[in-house]
Amino acid sequence: MQVTVHDGGIVIHRLTAVVLNEHHFPIVENSQLDVAFLRMANQALQRKQNGIVDSFLFVVCGNIGDATEQTTLFPLPLKDQANLDKYGFPEIDIISVETMDENGDQIDYSDVEENIGDEISKWLKEKHPTAITAFTSNGDDGIDVWWSGIEAISDEIELPFDLEIFSKTLPDSQRFKAATWLAILKKSCAYACDENWVSDNQFRINSIALSEWLHGFEAASGNGYNNFDAGEAGNAVELDDFYLGCTWGQENPKDCIAEAYEECESDVDDMKTFIISSISSGLRNECRDLFVEYFGSELGLFWALYTSIWPKFNKPVADALQDVAGLRENDFEDVAEPWMFVTDGWTDSADS
């Protein structure tokens, strides 16, 4: 997987969820929060000028009271008080979460956190189903970001194969996120604007490697088994047989080709699956390195993968991360295998 600076015109949107309390309102002009929102909105507007519309969710916690009328998701009693529209965020949703029950008693904070998590989860499922958790930089210094991520929209990404068919080759936990994984892959690999037969087919091979690698993490995490099917993946990306043979032949001497042919008992279809599997397994480390670079660190990649299986929306990202990745050594067993898969490379548990 050769890496290039060229992004191929791929659009990857940023998503940010911020939790605010009643005491934040009204926002004082030139206060730290006011300046932070201006900075965040300005960066988003600059990206919008480049054709990238980022989305923001603001969860306002407070004693909302009775509210029957709503504008989008936001109850009118707080609308004027929390008018975040003035900052000019390109796409914004505002949701309220009660902190007092119907008897006027304070709701336990852990329950409030669960309600916040439910609202963020609903927002993502309804509006951003392809989202992947990521540590994004939105000019958000001074703002306590609860959750952040990225997404690619299927209609905005050009692929040399059918996205829906390819998504079925991924683990269940990743199928809805196929467009975003492929956008990252396409943005990071040598798939420049002069797309041609060679780059098309190399991207197909890299996509197969992506599918295998995600299956590997699924198995290492203990959430499922490695159900990667090289033959199914090859068919899904419509890989050219001639290109496949040339690619494998460049890396393998004639003796290896003859041995593989005998091992497959002269069955051409089995031989094709064998070759795809061989090429894909040879790209495992490059696949890992590519995604570590994109997500900024091994921890960033681990968190993207881990939360794709087990979402963590009921705590701010720093606290949720500490709960999982900052565990005491004797509590580390549950995440040891997926962590080693990301940090050390392919492990035996990934083959299970």
Foldseek 3Di string as FASTA:
>chain_A
DAFDQAQQPQAKAKEFEAEEEPVCWPPDPPDLVNVLLLQLQVLQVVVVVVVHQYEYEYEYEEAQDDFDDDDQAHGPVCCVGPVSCVSPRPHYHYHYFYQADPVRHGDPVLVSLVVQLVVVVVCCVVPNVQWFWADDCRSNPSGQIQTMTMAGDPVRDDALFDLQLLLVQAPPLNSSNSRVVLSLVSRTHPCHNVHDPLSNQVSLLVSLLVRQLRLLLCLLLVVDHSPHQQLSSCVRSVHDPVSLVVVLPVVDDPVVLVVLCVVQVVDPSVSSSVSSVVSSVVCFVVNLVSVCVVRVHLLRSLRRSVCSRVPDRSGRPVVVSCVQVVDDPVPPVSCVRSSCCNVVNRDPSSND
